[in-house]
């Protein structure tokens, strides 16, 4: 039997890394190659799209935004990691800010903004990962990156220092940084308490498979190559043109510019790019 190929939506539990989930799925499905789209920290749970086999070549073309998360932020505490797994840097000894003040502060973090990544992140500074510098005790501040927050809704909980939230953000946004910066704006410190990713673009955690325990993964839950939503316009070729495209030959094409999802009857051929009237292969999967 051929190894499975396509897209598998997984509901990652708290605890394992995204790499751990990849290794587990690879083992359970006897897949030759597995990659993930959109890393989740070990403390986070929720939607983790996985690409299997030749689908790994298409990860960069999967819809990457908006990313939607739900969770909670703990005010009055700042940590080394900007979440509750880190060491405490400061604790606020004054009163908790009222809900109206917290919501007003959160509103200032909507729209396009510049965001500094957490000290413990995979961003690079001077060619080195920031988390490696942080583990060595070397202070590093990553350059700010422009991100977009489409929605940032907060609600009170039974704990005056803990606030539930739902946030929709662009790719590359750190929710940990939002928690940290919200706490700084309120003057009391803040850190991420819990986090669950519920959606990425058209993908929903309700459609994902759970991997907790030793239950076998059902190959029927894998979206085949031809059904993968790449978020690109289609370019339908006949079999002869598709064969040339798959061999690396650019095809005459007079319909616009940019990236296209290239298909032939009954199958996905790959992704091409139109330039100067030619559709050239970028990725070929058959």
Protein backbone atom coordinates (compact mmCIF):
# COMPACT_ATOMS: atom_id res chain seq x y z
CA UNK A 1 0.00 0.00 0.00
CA UNK A 2 1.32 3.45 -0.90
CA UNK A 3 2.05 5.86 1.96
CA UNK A 4 -0.81 8.32 2.57
CA UNK A 5 -0.57 11.76 0.96
CA UNK A 6 -2.53 14.95 1.41
CA UNK A 7 -3.68 17.24 4.21
CA UNK A 8 -4.57 16.10 7.73
CA UNK A 9 -6.01 18.49 10.30
CA UNK A 10 -4.92 17.53 13.81
CA UNK A 11 -6.19 18.77 17.18
CA UNK A 12 -2.93 19.08 19.09
CA UNK A 13 -3.20 18.53 22.86
CA UNK A 14 -1.29 20.57 25.43
CA UNK A 15 2.18 19.23 26.17
CA UNK A 16 3.82 17.90 23.00
CA UNK A 17 5.68 20.12 20.58
CA UNK A 18 4.54 20.46 16.98
CA UNK A 19 7.56 18.32 16.05
CA UNK A 20 6.36 15.62 18.48
CA UNK A 21 2.97 15.59 16.73
CA UNK A 22 4.65 15.26 13.33
CA UNK A 23 6.69 12.29 14.56
CA UNK A 24 3.62 10.61 16.08
CA UNK A 25 1.51 10.96 12.92
CA UNK A 26 4.39 9.81 10.75
CA UNK A 27 4.73 6.69 12.88
CA UNK A 28 1.01 5.89 13.14
CA UNK A 29 0.34 6.32 9.42
CA UNK A 30 3.68 4.91 8.23
CA UNK A 31 4.04 8.10 6.19
CA UNK A 32 7.33 8.73 4.40
CA UNK A 33 7.24 12.49 4.94
CA UNK A 34 5.16 14.75 7.21
CA UNK A 35 5.38 18.52 7.73
CA UNK A 36 3.32 21.00 9.70
CA UNK A 37 1.92 24.44 8.90
CA UNK A 38 1.81 26.95 11.75
CA UNK A 39 3.80 25.90 14.83
CA UNK A 40 2.05 25.68 18.20
CA UNK A 41 3.95 26.05 21.47
CA UNK A 42 3.88 23.01 23.80
CA UNK A 43 1.52 24.81 26.22
CA UNK A 44 -0.96 25.50 23.40
CA UNK A 45 -3.59 23.18 21.96
CA UNK A 46 -5.75 23.20 18.88
CA UNK A 47 -5.57 23.18 15.12
CA UNK A 48 -2.34 21.99 13.51
CA UNK A 49 -2.51 21.31 9.75
CA UNK A 50 -0.18 18.51 8.61
CA UNK A 51 0.94 17.78 5.07
CA UNK A 52 1.83 14.21 4.13
CA UNK A 53 4.01 12.95 1.29
CA UNK A 54 4.13 15.18 -1.76
CA UNK A 55 1.72 17.57 -0.04
CA UNK A 56 4.68 18.85 2.00
CA UNK A 57 5.77 20.71 -1.15
CA UNK A 58 2.54 22.72 -0.95
CA UNK A 59 2.67 23.86 2.69
CA UNK A 60 3.79 27.38 1.77
CA UNK A 61 0.71 27.80 -0.44
CA UNK A 62 -1.86 26.81 2.21
CA UNK A 63 -4.01 29.67 3.55
CA UNK A 64 -2.15 31.12 6.53
CA UNK A 65 -4.59 33.73 7.87
CA UNK A 66 -6.55 34.77 9.69
CA UNK A 67 -5.41 32.65 12.61
CA UNK A 68 -8.02 32.53 15.37
CA UNK A 69 -7.21 31.74 19.00
CA UNK A 70 -9.11 31.53 22.26
CA UNK A 71 -7.55 31.53 25.70
CA UNK A 72 -6.86 33.60 28.77
CA UNK A 73 -4.42 36.31 29.81
CA UNK A 74 -3.19 36.71 33.39
CA UNK A 75 -2.56 40.30 34.36
CA UNK A 76 -0.35 41.34 37.26
CA UNK A 77 2.44 38.98 36.21
CA UNK A 78 5.31 39.30 33.71
CA UNK A 79 7.46 36.28 32.82
CA UNK A 80 10.59 35.44 30.86
CA UNK A 81 8.61 33.58 28.17
CA UNK A 82 5.54 35.87 28.11
CA UNK A 83 3.44 32.88 29.19
CA UNK A 84 2.86 31.11 32.51
CA UNK A 85 5.52 28.46 31.80
CA UNK A 86 8.29 31.04 32.28
CA UNK A 87 9.97 32.43 35.36
CA UNK A 88 8.36 35.44 37.00
CA UNK A 89 10.01 38.76 36.23
CA UNK A 90 7.59 40.93 38.20
CA UNK A 91 4.35 40.73 40.17
CA UNK A 92 1.96 43.64 40.56
CA UNK A 93 0.94 44.42 44.15
CA UNK A 94 -1.78 46.95 43.38
CA UNK A 95 -5.47 46.44 42.62
CA UNK A 96 -6.61 44.58 39.51
CA UNK A 97 -7.60 46.83 36.60
CA UNK A 98 -11.36 47.00 35.97
CA UNK A 99 -12.83 45.25 32.94
CA UNK A 100 -13.66 48.51 31.14
CA UNK A 101 -10.04 49.66 31.40
CA UNK A 102 -8.76 46.31 30.13
CA UNK A 103 -11.13 46.35 27.13
CA UNK A 104 -10.17 49.95 26.31
CA UNK A 105 -6.48 49.02 26.39
CA UNK A 106 -7.07 45.96 24.20
CA UNK A 107 -8.76 48.16 21.59
CA UNK A 108 -5.44 49.92 21.05
CA UNK A 109 -3.99 46.65 19.81
CA UNK A 110 -6.37 46.26 16.87
CA UNK A 111 -5.33 46.90 13.30
CA UNK A 112 -1.78 47.05 11.96
CA UNK A 113 0.93 47.38 14.58
CA UNK A 114 4.62 46.74 15.18
CA UNK A 115 5.25 43.83 17.51
CA UNK A 116 8.44 42.66 19.21
CA UNK A 117 8.67 38.85 19.33
CA UNK A 118 9.03 37.10 22.71
CA UNK A 119 12.58 36.53 23.97
CA UNK A 120 11.88 32.80 23.78
CA UNK A 121 10.92 32.57 20.10
CA UNK A 122 12.33 31.13 16.88
CA UNK A 123 13.03 34.55 15.39
CA UNK A 124 16.68 35.19 14.56
CA UNK A 125 18.93 37.95 15.91
CA UNK A 126 22.41 38.18 14.35
CA UNK A 127 21.84 34.79 12.76
CA UNK A 128 20.89 33.01 15.99
CA UNK A 129 17.52 31.84 17.29
CA UNK A 130 16.31 34.10 20.07
CA UNK A 131 15.34 31.19 22.35
CA UNK A 132 18.91 29.86 22.20
CA UNK A 133 20.26 33.25 23.23
CA UNK A 134 17.66 33.47 26.01
CA UNK A 135 18.56 30.02 27.35
CA UNK A 136 22.18 31.16 27.62
CA UNK A 137 21.08 34.21 29.57
CA UNK A 138 21.94 36.59 26.75
CA UNK A 139 19.41 39.40 26.45
CA UNK A 140 18.18 39.84 22.89
CA UNK A 141 15.46 42.07 21.49
CA UNK A 142 14.22 41.05 18.09
CA UNK A 143 13.41 43.73 15.54
CA UNK A 144 9.74 44.72 15.48
CA UNK A 145 7.60 43.10 12.82
CA UNK A 146 4.43 44.53 11.34
CA UNK A 147 1.43 42.32 12.12
CA UNK A 148 -2.30 42.78 11.93
CA UNK A 149 -4.86 42.11 14.65
CA UNK A 150 -8.29 41.77 13.04
CA UNK A 151 -10.17 41.23 16.30
CA UNK A 152 -9.22 41.20 19.99
CA UNK A 153 -12.19 40.55 22.30
CA UNK A 154 -11.83 40.25 26.07
CA UNK A 155 -14.22 39.13 28.78
CA UNK A 156 -14.10 38.87 32.56
CA UNK A 157 -13.76 35.55 34.37
CA UNK A 158 -14.32 34.67 38.00
CA UNK A 159 -10.72 35.68 38.68
CA UNK A 160 -10.16 39.48 38.67
CA UNK A 161 -6.65 38.99 37.25
CA UNK A 162 -7.60 36.54 34.49
CA UNK A 163 -9.36 37.62 31.29
CA UNK A 164 -10.72 35.35 28.58
CA UNK A 165 -10.04 36.40 25.01
CA UNK A 166 -10.69 35.61 21.38
CA UNK A 167 -8.26 37.01 18.84
CA UNK A 168 -7.93 36.84 15.04
CA UNK A 169 -4.51 37.77 13.71
CA UNK A 170 -2.28 37.72 10.67
CA UNK A 171 0.38 35.08 10.17
CA UNK A 172 3.50 35.85 12.19
CA UNK A 173 1.66 37.40 15.14
CA UNK A 174 2.66 36.22 18.62
CA UNK A 175 -0.30 36.04 20.99
CA UNK A 176 2.21 35.88 23.85
CA UNK A 177 3.45 39.30 22.80
CA UNK A 178 -0.12 40.63 22.80
CA UNK A 179 -0.55 39.43 26.38
CA UNK A 180 2.76 40.99 27.41
CA UNK A 181 2.06 44.30 25.68
CA UNK A 182 -1.48 44.53 27.05
CA UNK A 183 -0.13 44.12 30.57
CA UNK A 184 2.53 46.75 29.92
CA UNK A 185 -0.10 49.19 28.61
CA UNK A 186 -2.10 48.69 31.80
CA UNK A 187 0.98 49.17 33.96
CA UNK A 188 0.60 45.87 35.77
CA UNK A 189 2.29 43.32 33.54
CA UNK A 190 0.64 40.50 31.64
CA UNK A 191 1.37 37.00 30.45
CA UNK A 192 -0.41 34.34 28.41
CA UNK A 193 -2.23 31.86 30.62
CA UNK A 194 -3.91 29.45 28.17
CA UNK A 195 -4.09 29.23 24.38
CA UNK A 196 -6.07 27.19 21.88
CA UNK A 197 -6.02 27.72 18.11
CA UNK A 198 -9.48 27.29 16.64
CA UNK A 199 -9.00 28.22 12.98
CA UNK A 200 -6.54 29.06 10.20
CA UNK A 201 -8.19 30.53 7.14
CA UNK A 202 -10.81 27.99 5.99
CA UNK A 203 -9.60 25.27 8.38
CA UNK A 204 -11.47 24.68 11.65
CA UNK A 205 -10.49 22.71 14.73
CA UNK A 206 -13.94 21.08 14.69
CA UNK A 207 -12.82 19.23 11.54
CA UNK A 208 -9.53 18.06 13.09
CA UNK A 209 -8.72 14.60 14.43
CA UNK A 210 -7.69 14.05 18.05
CA UNK A 211 -4.36 12.27 18.57
CA UNK A 212 -4.47 11.73 22.32
CA UNK A 213 -4.07 8.12 23.46
CA UNK A 214 -3.17 5.19 21.24
CA UNK A 215 -6.13 5.32 18.86
CA UNK A 216 -5.28 4.65 15.23
CA UNK A 217 -5.58 7.53 12.78
CA UNK A 218 -8.15 7.02 10.05
CA UNK A 219 -6.55 7.57 6.61
CA UNK A 220 -10.03 8.51 5.36
CA UNK A 221 -9.65 11.83 7.24
CA UNK A 222 -6.79 12.86 4.95
CA UNK A 223 -7.75 15.41 2.29
CA UNK A 224 -6.18 14.14 -0.98
CA UNK A 225 -3.78 16.27 -3.00
CA UNK A 226 -6.42 17.32 -5.52
CA UNK A 227 -8.73 18.47 -2.72
CA UNK A 228 -6.24 20.66 -0.86
CA UNK A 229 -7.45 24.29 -0.67
CA UNK A 230 -4.44 26.34 -1.72
CA UNK A 231 -6.19 29.69 -1.90
CA UNK A 232 -4.98 30.25 -5.46
CA UNK A 233 -6.87 30.69 -8.75
CA UNK A 234 -7.05 27.57 -10.91
CA UNK A 235 -5.30 26.96 -14.21
CA UNK A 236 -6.85 23.91 -15.90
CA UNK A 237 -4.59 22.19 -18.44
CA UNK A 238 -5.30 19.30 -20.74
CA UNK A 239 -3.24 16.14 -20.30
CA UNK A 240 -0.70 17.07 -22.97
CA UNK A 241 -0.01 20.52 -21.54
CA UNK A 242 0.04 19.11 -17.99
CA UNK A 243 2.68 16.58 -19.04
CA UNK A 244 4.90 19.35 -20.41
CA UNK A 245 4.35 21.46 -17.28
CA UNK A 246 5.26 18.51 -15.03
CA UNK A 247 8.46 18.08 -17.05
CA UNK A 248 9.49 21.65 -16.27
CA UNK A 249 8.31 23.29 -19.48
CA UNK A 250 6.63 26.72 -19.28
CA UNK A 251 3.19 26.82 -20.93
CA UNK A 252 1.91 29.84 -22.91
CA UNK A 253 -0.68 31.61 -20.72
CA UNK A 254 -2.38 34.95 -21.30
CA UNK A 255 -4.68 35.17 -18.26
CA UNK A 256 -3.13 37.53 -15.73
CA UNK A 257 -0.01 37.25 -13.60
CA UNK A 258 1.01 35.55 -10.36
CA UNK A 259 0.63 32.13 -8.77
CA UNK A 260 -1.92 29.58 -9.98
CA UNK A 261 -3.09 26.17 -8.82
CA UNK A 262 -2.44 23.96 -11.85
CA UNK A 263 -4.76 21.02 -12.50
CA UNK A 264 -5.35 18.41 -15.16
CA UNK A 265 -8.47 16.24 -15.51
CA UNK A 266 -8.93 14.51 -12.14
CA UNK A 267 -5.65 15.55 -10.54
CA UNK A 268 -3.54 18.33 -9.10
CA UNK A 269 -0.35 18.93 -11.07
CA UNK A 270 1.23 21.61 -8.91
CA UNK A 271 1.65 25.37 -8.60
CA UNK A 272 2.81 27.62 -11.41
CA UNK A 273 3.63 31.28 -11.80
CA UNK A 274 2.57 33.43 -14.76
CA UNK A 275 5.16 35.88 -16.03
CA UNK A 276 5.40 37.52 -19.42
CA UNK A 277 2.72 35.30 -20.93
CA UNK A 278 4.19 32.01 -19.70
CA UNK A 279 2.99 29.66 -16.93
CA UNK A 280 6.19 28.30 -15.40
CA UNK A 281 6.32 25.47 -12.82
CA UNK A 282 7.05 26.49 -9.23
CA UNK A 283 6.08 23.17 -7.59
CA UNK A 284 5.18 19.89 -9.31
CA UNK A 285 3.45 17.07 -7.45
CA UNK A 286 2.77 14.64 -10.27
